Amino acid sequence: MDGTLLVAGGVVVLLASVLAGGTGFGYSLVCTPLLLLAGIPLTDVVVLNLTVGVVTRLGAVLRLRHSVDRQRSAYLVAGCVPGLLLGHLTLDLVDADALKVTAGAVAVVAAGFLLLRRPATSPPAPGAPSRLAPGVAGVLGGFLGITTSMNGPPPVILLSHRQVAPRAFIADMAVYLLACNAMALTLIGLTGGLSLDRVGLLLACWLPGAVLGNHVGVTYGARLPLTGFRLLTLGLVMVTGLATVATSVGGG
């Protein structure tokens, strides 16, 4: 294994985990395009990101459990089940380069939305929120999760649109990502898609940094000036996402 890849990947995972801990999202948006550009196969990137997500989001769920909106989280998690199954079926039908293009495009679109969206200027409209929207977001997230590991954008956009308070936002995303990632890994494992001989060393080297970064993000997310870091990171996501699309199409 290339030592440069281990070190560079570890730095990427650490910084992405700080972002994810402080904002509730962004880990796979950062890591997927960069790891693909580093030459790691998409199937391994998916396993790596899902595993890191399970480990780091478990801690966030435990710390923020009192801020979770149980009904909203339940609909998000329930929705991801058919999305995971549909995505798993798609893996056998769609070319890997097409999925790489999808991963890069999702990164660009999601980062662009999060960069350009205006801050809320008024509270959400009163009344009971729709149950359909979290279910649909869960389905889309589940599909993207098992195919590209990028299951965050649909629920992020939903929660942003509903102007969910930051702490509840992070808590709900933690529950959703923990459940969705765990189910995706279980499904991949049951169908023979886990290969520890390829990803075991990377996980052993990168998980400690991911746990540390997530702890820093969750602990100091409300205090540190993460706005600039978030803007720079999402800008990097857009650049690397575009590069992933270009190299996948050009090298196809």
C-alpha atoms as a PDB file:
ATOM      1  CA  MET A   1       0.000   0.000   0.000  1.00  0.00           C
ATOM      2  CA  ASP A   2       1.326   3.421  -0.987  1.00  0.00           C
ATOM      3  CA  GLY A   3       2.375   5.368   2.114  1.00  0.00           C
ATOM      4  CA  THR A   4       1.475   8.679   0.474  1.00  0.00           C
ATOM      5  CA  LEU A   5      -2.074   7.431  -0.074  1.00  0.00           C
ATOM      6  CA  LEU A   6      -2.347   6.353   3.554  1.00  0.00           C
ATOM      7  CA  VAL A   7      -1.221   9.744   4.855  1.00  0.00           C
ATOM      8  CA  ALA A   8      -3.177  11.871   2.368  1.00  0.00           C
ATOM      9  CA  GLY A   9      -6.291   9.761   2.804  1.00  0.00           C
ATOM     10  CA  GLY A  10      -5.972  10.000   6.568  1.00  0.00           C
ATOM     11  CA  VAL A  11      -5.858  13.797   6.400  1.00  0.00           C
ATOM     12  CA  VAL A  12      -8.914  13.878   4.124  1.00  0.00           C
ATOM     13  CA  VAL A  13     -10.843  11.552   6.441  1.00  0.00           C
ATOM     14  CA  LEU A  14      -9.879  13.605   9.512  1.00  0.00           C
ATOM     15  CA  LEU A  15     -10.977  16.925   8.016  1.00  0.00           C
ATOM     16  CA  ALA A  16     -14.148  15.444   6.536  1.00  0.00           C
ATOM     17  CA  SER A  17     -15.013  14.004   9.948  1.00  0.00           C
ATOM     18  CA  VAL A  18     -14.584  17.405  11.608  1.00  0.00           C
ATOM     19  CA  LEU A  19     -16.981  18.872   9.049  1.00  0.00           C
ATOM     20  CA  ALA A  20     -19.469  16.030   9.487  1.00  0.00           C
ATOM     21  CA  GLY A  21     -19.314  16.251  13.272  1.00  0.00           C
ATOM     22  CA  GLY A  22     -19.850  20.015  13.291  1.00  0.00           C
ATOM     23  CA  THR A  23     -22.557  20.237  10.636  1.00  0.00           C
ATOM     24  CA  GLY A  24     -24.151  16.764  10.549  1.00  0.00           C
ATOM     25  CA  PHE A  25     -23.254  16.082   6.925  1.00  0.00           C
ATOM     26  CA  GLY A  26     -20.506  16.308   4.317  1.00  0.00           C
ATOM     27  CA  TYR A  27     -18.267  13.334   5.074  1.00  0.00           C
ATOM     28  CA  SER A  28     -18.967  11.277   1.955  1.00  0.00           C
ATOM     29  CA  LEU A  29     -19.357  14.417  -0.174  1.00  0.00           C
ATOM     30  CA  VAL A  30     -15.716  15.216   0.585  1.00  0.00           C
ATOM     31  CA  CYS A  31     -14.233  11.729   0.659  1.00  0.00           C
ATOM     32  CA  THR A  32     -15.920  10.004  -2.282  1.00  0.00           C
ATOM     33  CA  PRO A  33     -14.606  12.201  -5.117  1.00  0.00           C
ATOM     34  CA  LEU A  34     -11.138  12.498  -3.569  1.00  0.00           C
ATOM     35  CA  LEU A  35     -10.754   8.772  -2.895  1.00  0.00           C
ATOM     36  CA  LEU A  36     -11.970   7.964  -6.404  1.00  0.00           C
ATOM     37  CA  LEU A  37      -9.402  10.358  -7.838  1.00  0.00           C
ATOM     38  CA  ALA A  38      -6.741   8.628  -5.729  1.00  0.00           C
ATOM     39  CA  GLY A  39      -7.507   5.420  -7.614  1.00  0.00           C
ATOM     40  CA  ILE A  40      -9.454   3.495  -4.968  1.00  0.00           C
ATOM     41  CA  PRO A  41     -12.224   1.392  -6.605  1.00  0.00           C
ATOM     42  CA  LEU A  42     -15.759   2.664  -6.059  1.00  0.00           C
ATOM     43  CA  THR A  43     -16.849  -0.546  -4.311  1.00  0.00           C
ATOM     44  CA  ASP A  44     -14.050  -0.101  -1.746  1.00  0.00           C
ATOM     45  CA  VAL A  45     -14.788   3.619  -1.339  1.00  0.00           C
ATOM     46  CA  VAL A  46     -18.406   2.755  -0.546  1.00  0.00           C
ATOM     47  CA  VAL A  47     -17.400   0.214   2.125  1.00  0.00           C
ATOM     48  CA  LEU A  48     -14.828   2.590   3.638  1.00  0.00           C
ATOM     49  CA  ASN A  49     -17.227   5.523   3.846  1.00  0.00           C
ATOM     50  CA  LEU A  50     -20.134   3.474   5.159  1.00  0.00           C
ATOM     51  CA  THR A  51     -17.961   1.923   7.871  1.00  0.00           C
ATOM     52  CA  VAL A  52     -16.527   5.253   8.998  1.00  0.00           C
ATOM     53  CA  GLY A  53     -20.058   6.639   9.006  1.00  0.00           C
ATOM     54  CA  VAL A  54     -21.339   3.883  11.288  1.00  0.00           C
ATOM     55  CA  VAL A  55     -18.498   4.323  13.795  1.00  0.00           C
ATOM     56  CA  THR A  56     -18.616   8.121  13.945  1.00  0.00           C
ATOM     57  CA  ARG A  57     -22.398   8.550  13.796  1.00  0.00           C
ATOM     58  CA  LEU A  58     -22.872   6.085  16.668  1.00  0.00           C
ATOM     59  CA  GLY A  59     -21.042   8.476  18.973  1.00  0.00           C
ATOM     60  CA  ALA A  60     -23.053  11.421  17.683  1.00  0.00           C
ATOM     61  CA  VAL A  61     -26.349   9.585  18.262  1.00  0.00           C
ATOM     62  CA  LEU A  62     -25.403   8.775  21.838  1.00  0.00           C
ATOM     63  CA  ARG A  63     -24.409  12.365  22.587  1.00  0.00           C
ATOM     64  CA  LEU A  64     -27.376  14.023  20.852  1.00  0.00           C
ATOM     65  CA  ARG A  65     -30.098  11.428  21.519  1.00  0.00           C
ATOM     66  CA  HIS A  66     -32.281  13.899  23.409  1.00  0.00           C
ATOM     67  CA  SER A  67     -32.404  16.222  20.377  1.00  0.00           C
ATOM     68  CA  VAL A  68     -33.640  13.576  17.911  1.00  0.00           C
ATOM     69  CA  ASP A  69     -37.039  14.050  16.301  1.00  0.00           C
ATOM     70  CA  ARG A  70     -38.089  10.411  16.498  1.00  0.00           C
ATOM     71  CA  GLN A  71     -40.950  10.564  14.019  1.00  0.00           C
ATOM     72  CA  ARG A  72     -38.974  12.371  11.331  1.00  0.00           C
ATOM     73  CA  SER A  73     -35.973  10.107  11.821  1.00  0.00           C
ATOM     74  CA  ALA A  74     -38.162   7.006  11.681  1.00  0.00           C
ATOM     75  CA  TYR A  75     -39.611   8.015   8.307  1.00  0.00           C
ATOM     76  CA  LEU A  76     -36.152   8.763   6.934  1.00  0.00           C
ATOM     77  CA  VAL A  77     -34.834   5.384   8.079  1.00  0.00           C
ATOM     78  CA  ALA A  78     -37.907   3.494   6.861  1.00  0.00           C
ATOM     79  CA  GLY A  79     -37.609   5.133   3.471  1.00  0.00           C
ATOM     80  CA  CYS A  80     -33.986   4.129   3.029  1.00  0.00           C
ATOM     81  CA  VAL A  81     -34.869   0.389   3.115  1.00  0.00           C
ATOM     82  CA  PRO A  82     -36.490   0.194  -0.361  1.00  0.00           C
ATOM     83  CA  GLY A  83     -33.842   2.606  -1.614  1.00  0.00           C
ATOM     84  CA  LEU A  84     -31.081   0.268  -0.458  1.00  0.00           C
ATOM     85  CA  LEU A  85     -32.717  -2.730  -2.100  1.00  0.00           C
ATOM     86  CA  LEU A  86     -33.251  -0.860  -5.364  1.00  0.00           C
ATOM     87  CA  GLY A  87     -29.683   0.409  -5.316  1.00  0.00           C
ATOM     88  CA  HIS A  88     -28.318  -3.076  -4.691  1.00  0.00           C
ATOM     89  CA  LEU A  89     -30.166  -4.381  -7.741  1.00  0.00           C
ATOM     90  CA  THR A  90     -28.793  -1.489  -9.778  1.00  0.00           C
ATOM     91  CA  LEU A  91     -25.207  -2.399  -8.918  1.00  0.00           C
ATOM     92  CA  ASP A  92     -25.421  -5.488 -11.137  1.00  0.00           C
ATOM     93  CA  LEU A  93     -26.962  -3.578 -14.036  1.00  0.00           C
ATOM     94  CA  VAL A  94     -25.019  -0.304 -14.224  1.00  0.00           C
ATOM     95  CA  ASP A  95     -21.391   0.136 -15.295  1.00  0.00           C
ATOM     96  CA  ALA A  96     -18.938   1.265 -12.601  1.00  0.00           C
ATOM     97  CA  ASP A  97     -17.939   4.352 -14.599  1.00  0.00           C
ATOM     98  CA  ALA A  98     -21.590   5.393 -14.786  1.00  0.00           C
ATOM     99  CA  LEU A  99     -21.810   5.169 -10.999  1.00  0.00           C
ATOM    100  CA  LYS A 100     -18.622   7.231 -10.671  1.00  0.00           C
ATOM    101  CA  VAL A 101     -20.176   9.890 -12.882  1.00  0.00           C
ATOM    102  CA  THR A 102     -23.289   9.749 -10.698  1.00  0.00           C
ATOM    103  CA  ALA A 103     -21.183  10.131  -7.555  1.00  0.00           C
ATOM    104  CA  GLY A 104     -19.367  13.149  -8.961  1.00  0.00           C
ATOM    105  CA  ALA A 105     -22.572  14.737 -10.231  1.00  0.00           C
ATOM    106  CA  VAL A 106     -24.336  14.243  -6.887  1.00  0.00           C
ATOM    107  CA  ALA A 107     -21.384  15.863  -5.128  1.00  0.00           C
ATOM    108  CA  VAL A 108     -21.473  18.889  -7.435  1.00  0.00           C
ATOM    109  CA  VAL A 109     -25.246  19.377  -7.265  1.00  0.00           C
ATOM    110  CA  ALA A 110     -25.463  18.905  -3.500  1.00  0.00           C
ATOM    111  CA  ALA A 111     -22.475  21.144  -2.786  1.00  0.00           C
ATOM    112  CA  GLY A 112     -23.828  23.780  -5.145  1.00  0.00           C
ATOM    113  CA  PHE A 113     -27.205  23.741  -3.437  1.00  0.00           C
ATOM    114  CA  LEU A 114     -25.655  24.016   0.018  1.00  0.00           C
ATOM    115  CA  LEU A 115     -23.317  26.814  -1.084  1.00  0.00           C
ATOM    116  CA  LEU A 116     -25.952  28.879  -2.863  1.00  0.00           C
ATOM    117  CA  ARG A 117     -29.010  28.419  -0.664  1.00  0.00           C
ATOM    118  CA  ARG A 118     -29.997  31.514   1.244  1.00  0.00           C
ATOM    119  CA  PRO A 119     -30.296  31.467   5.024  1.00  0.00           C
ATOM    120  CA  ALA A 120     -33.802  31.235   6.386  1.00  0.00           C
ATOM    121  CA  THR A 121     -35.418  34.625   6.969  1.00  0.00           C
ATOM    122  CA  SER A 122     -38.678  33.382   8.501  1.00  0.00           C
ATOM    123  CA  PRO A 123     -39.790  30.417  10.601  1.00  0.00           C
ATOM    124  CA  PRO A 124     -41.374  27.409   8.935  1.00  0.00           C
ATOM    125  CA  ALA A 125     -45.071  27.525   8.223  1.00  0.00           C
ATOM    126  CA  PRO A 126     -47.195  26.143  11.062  1.00  0.00           C
ATOM    127  CA  GLY A 127     -48.938  22.807  10.788  1.00  0.00           C
ATOM    128  CA  ALA A 128     -47.997  19.155  10.778  1.00  0.00           C
ATOM    129  CA  PRO A 129     -45.107  18.460   8.358  1.00  0.00           C
ATOM    130  CA  SER A 130     -45.649  15.967   5.552  1.00  0.00           C
ATOM    131  CA  ARG A 131     -44.653  12.374   6.234  1.00  0.00           C
ATOM    132  CA  LEU A 132     -44.126  11.701   2.542  1.00  0.00           C
ATOM    133  CA  ALA A 133     -41.133  13.989   2.110  1.00  0.00           C
ATOM    134  CA  PRO A 134     -38.911  12.230   4.707  1.00  0.00           C
ATOM    135  CA  GLY A 135     -39.846   8.872   3.186  1.00  0.00           C
ATOM    136  CA  VAL A 136     -38.909  10.028  -0.314  1.00  0.00           C
ATOM    137  CA  ALA A 137     -35.665  11.554   0.970  1.00  0.00           C
ATOM    138  CA  GLY A 138     -34.918   8.246   2.687  1.00  0.00           C
ATOM    139  CA  VAL A 139     -35.508   6.263  -0.506  1.00  0.00           C
ATOM    140  CA  LEU A 140     -33.223   8.514  -2.540  1.00  0.00           C
ATOM    141  CA  GLY A 141     -30.597   8.481   0.194  1.00  0.00           C
ATOM    142  CA  GLY A 142     -30.691   4.703   0.498  1.00  0.00           C
ATOM    143  CA  PHE A 143     -30.247   4.285  -3.252  1.00  0.00           C
ATOM    144  CA  LEU A 144     -27.293   6.675  -3.341  1.00  0.00           C
ATOM    145  CA  GLY A 145     -25.844   5.192  -0.152  1.00  0.00           C
ATOM    146  CA  ILE A 146     -25.341   1.631  -1.333  1.00  0.00           C
ATOM    147  CA  THR A 147     -24.254   2.667  -4.832  1.00  0.00           C
ATOM    148  CA  THR A 148     -21.964   5.621  -4.065  1.00  0.00           C
ATOM    149  CA  SER A 149     -21.991   5.993  -0.209  1.00  0.00           C
ATOM    150  CA  MET A 150     -23.375   9.526  -0.703  1.00  0.00           C
ATOM    151  CA  ASN A 151     -26.671   9.084   1.124  1.00  0.00           C
ATOM    152  CA  GLY A 152     -26.615  12.481   2.830  1.00  0.00           C
ATOM    153  CA  PRO A 153     -27.790  15.028   0.218  1.00  0.00           C
ATOM    154  CA  PRO A 154     -31.525  14.118   0.053  1.00  0.00           C
ATOM    155  CA  PRO A 155     -32.181  14.350   3.822  1.00  0.00           C
ATOM    156  CA  VAL A 156     -29.853  17.364   4.120  1.00  0.00           C
ATOM    157  CA  ILE A 157     -31.889  19.237   1.516  1.00  0.00           C
ATOM    158  CA  LEU A 158     -35.128  18.217   3.236  1.00  0.00           C
ATOM    159  CA  LEU A 159     -33.990  19.329   6.702  1.00  0.00           C
ATOM    160  CA  SER A 160     -32.549  22.549   5.287  1.00  0.00           C
ATOM    161  CA  HIS A 161     -35.827  23.314   3.532  1.00  0.00           C
ATOM    162  CA  ARG A 162     -37.723  22.743   6.790  1.00  0.00           C
ATOM    163  CA  GLN A 163     -35.316  25.053   8.655  1.00  0.00           C
ATOM    164  CA  VAL A 164     -34.608  22.451  11.337  1.00  0.00           C
ATOM    165  CA  ALA A 165     -32.619  23.803  14.295  1.00  0.00           C
ATOM    166  CA  PRO A 166     -28.893  22.980  14.085  1.00  0.00           C
ATOM    167  CA  ARG A 167     -28.737  20.560  17.020  1.00  0.00           C
ATOM    168  CA  ALA A 168     -31.833  18.644  15.888  1.00  0.00           C
ATOM    169  CA  PHE A 169     -30.480  18.716  12.321  1.00  0.00           C
ATOM    170  CA  ILE A 170     -27.230  17.036  13.391  1.00  0.00           C
ATOM    171  CA  ALA A 171     -29.083  14.571  15.646  1.00  0.00           C
ATOM    172  CA  ASP A 172     -31.576  13.483  12.983  1.00  0.00           C
ATOM    173  CA  MET A 173     -28.832  13.126  10.380  1.00  0.00           C
ATOM    174  CA  ALA A 174     -26.789  11.037  12.799  1.00  0.00           C
ATOM    175  CA  VAL A 175     -29.667   8.606  13.381  1.00  0.00           C
ATOM    176  CA  TYR A 176     -30.412   8.367   9.673  1.00  0.00           C
ATOM    177  CA  LEU A 177     -26.790   7.881   8.595  1.00  0.00           C
ATOM    178  CA  LEU A 178     -26.087   5.342  11.335  1.00  0.00           C
ATOM    179  CA  ALA A 179     -29.096   3.215  10.390  1.00  0.00           C
ATOM    180  CA  CYS A 180     -28.721   3.580   6.628  1.00  0.00           C
ATOM    181  CA  ASN A 181     -24.975   2.872   6.645  1.00  0.00           C
ATOM    182  CA  ALA A 182     -25.365  -0.129   8.931  1.00  0.00           C
ATOM    183  CA  MET A 183     -28.109  -1.662   6.777  1.00  0.00           C
ATOM    184  CA  ALA A 184     -26.106  -0.992   3.604  1.00  0.00           C
ATOM    185  CA  LEU A 185     -23.030  -2.699   5.048  1.00  0.00           C
ATOM    186  CA  THR A 186     -25.137  -5.647   6.198  1.00  0.00           C
ATOM    187  CA  LEU A 187     -26.630  -6.051   2.730  1.00  0.00           C
ATOM    188  CA  ILE A 188     -23.203  -5.773   1.089  1.00  0.00           C
ATOM    189  CA  GLY A 189     -21.804  -8.339   3.519  1.00  0.00           C
ATOM    190  CA  LEU A 190     -24.650 -10.801   3.004  1.00  0.00           C
ATOM    191  CA  THR A 191     -24.094 -10.666  -0.756  1.00  0.00           C
ATOM    192  CA  GLY A 192     -20.328 -11.158  -0.555  1.00  0.00           C
ATOM    193  CA  GLY A 193     -19.287  -7.594  -1.282  1.00  0.00           C
ATOM    194  CA  LEU A 194     -17.051  -7.037   1.765  1.00  0.00           C
ATOM    195  CA  SER A 195     -13.340  -7.600   1.218  1.00  0.00           C
ATOM    196  CA  LEU A 196     -11.300  -6.830   4.334  1.00  0.00           C
ATOM    197  CA  ASP A 197      -8.057  -7.796   2.611  1.00  0.00           C
ATOM    198  CA  ARG A 198      -8.481  -4.675   0.432  1.00  0.00           C
ATOM    199  CA  VAL A 199      -9.962  -2.178   2.883  1.00  0.00           C
ATOM    200  CA  GLY A 200      -8.840  -3.526   6.264  1.00  0.00           C
ATOM    201  CA  LEU A 201      -5.526  -1.641   6.343  1.00  0.00           C
ATOM    202  CA  LEU A 202      -7.141   1.604   5.223  1.00  0.00           C
ATOM    203  CA  LEU A 203      -9.804   1.325   7.923  1.00  0.00           C
ATOM    204  CA  ALA A 204      -7.202   0.532  10.580  1.00  0.00           C
ATOM    205  CA  CYS A 205      -5.208   3.631   9.608  1.00  0.00           C
ATOM    206  CA  TRP A 206      -8.083   6.047   9.034  1.00  0.00           C
ATOM    207  CA  LEU A 207     -10.707   5.168  11.657  1.00  0.00           C
ATOM    208  CA  PRO A 208      -8.825   6.710  14.625  1.00  0.00           C
ATOM    209  CA  GLY A 209      -8.578  10.037  12.786  1.00  0.00           C
ATOM    210  CA  ALA A 210     -12.230   9.830  11.825  1.00  0.00           C
ATOM    211  CA  VAL A 211     -13.287   9.281  15.448  1.00  0.00           C
ATOM    212  CA  LEU A 212     -11.064  12.153  16.631  1.00  0.00           C
ATOM    213  CA  GLY A 213     -12.307  14.502  13.916  1.00  0.00           C
ATOM    214  CA  ASN A 214     -15.932  13.662  14.624  1.00  0.00           C
ATOM    215  CA  HIS A 215     -15.430  14.256  18.350  1.00  0.00           C
ATOM    216  CA  VAL A 216     -13.879  17.662  17.671  1.00  0.00           C
ATOM    217  CA  GLY A 217     -16.663  18.582  15.259  1.00  0.00           C
ATOM    218  CA  VAL A 218     -19.501  17.542  17.578  1.00  0.00           C
ATOM    219  CA  THR A 219     -17.885  19.149  20.636  1.00  0.00           C
ATOM    220  CA  TYR A 220     -16.869  22.467  19.147  1.00  0.00           C
ATOM    221  CA  GLY A 221     -19.155  22.714  16.136  1.00  0.00           C
ATOM    222  CA  ALA A 222     -21.259  25.425  17.763  1.00  0.00           C
ATOM    223  CA  ARG A 223     -18.217  27.433  18.873  1.00  0.00           C
ATOM    224  CA  LEU A 224     -15.686  27.297  16.058  1.00  0.00           C
ATOM    225  CA  PRO A 225     -15.987  29.467  12.926  1.00  0.00           C
ATOM    226  CA  LEU A 226     -16.884  26.517  10.714  1.00  0.00           C
ATOM    227  CA  THR A 227     -18.516  28.699   8.065  1.00  0.00           C
ATOM    228  CA  GLY A 228     -15.281  29.399   6.251  1.00  0.00           C
ATOM    229  CA  PHE A 229     -14.144  25.808   6.576  1.00  0.00           C
ATOM    230  CA  ARG A 230     -17.502  24.619   5.274  1.00  0.00           C
ATOM    231  CA  LEU A 231     -17.363  26.973   2.290  1.00  0.00           C
ATOM    232  CA  LEU A 232     -13.828  25.898   1.397  1.00  0.00           C
ATOM    233  CA  THR A 233     -14.711  22.238   1.805  1.00  0.00           C
ATOM    234  CA  LEU A 234     -17.850  22.429  -0.308  1.00  0.00           C
ATOM    235  CA  GLY A 235     -15.911  24.351  -2.936  1.00  0.00           C
ATOM    236  CA  LEU A 236     -13.372  21.530  -2.959  1.00  0.00           C
ATOM    237  CA  VAL A 237     -16.232  19.056  -3.244  1.00  0.00           C
ATOM    238  CA  MET A 238     -17.461  20.802  -6.389  1.00  0.00           C
ATOM    239  CA  VAL A 239     -13.994  20.810  -7.962  1.00  0.00           C
ATOM    240  CA  THR A 240     -13.250  17.186  -7.157  1.00  0.00           C
ATOM    241  CA  GLY A 241     -16.757  16.139  -8.174  1.00  0.00           C
ATOM    242  CA  LEU A 242     -16.289  17.757 -11.565  1.00  0.00           C
ATOM    243  CA  ALA A 243     -12.858  16.123 -11.860  1.00  0.00           C
ATOM    244  CA  THR A 244     -14.380  12.729 -11.044  1.00  0.00           C
ATOM    245  CA  VAL A 245     -16.987  13.165 -13.760  1.00  0.00           C
ATOM    246  CA  ALA A 246     -14.381  14.355 -16.276  1.00  0.00           C
ATOM    247  CA  THR A 247     -11.936  11.508 -15.608  1.00  0.00           C
ATOM    248  CA  SER A 248     -14.672   8.874 -15.614  1.00  0.00           C
ATOM    249  CA  VAL A 249     -16.078  10.097 -18.927  1.00  0.00           C
ATOM    250  CA  GLY A 250     -12.679  10.729 -20.469  1.00  0.00           C
ATOM    251  CA  GLY A 251     -11.178   7.454 -19.332  1.00  0.00           C
ATOM    252  CA  GLY A 252     -14.317   5.390 -19.907  1.00  0.00           C
END
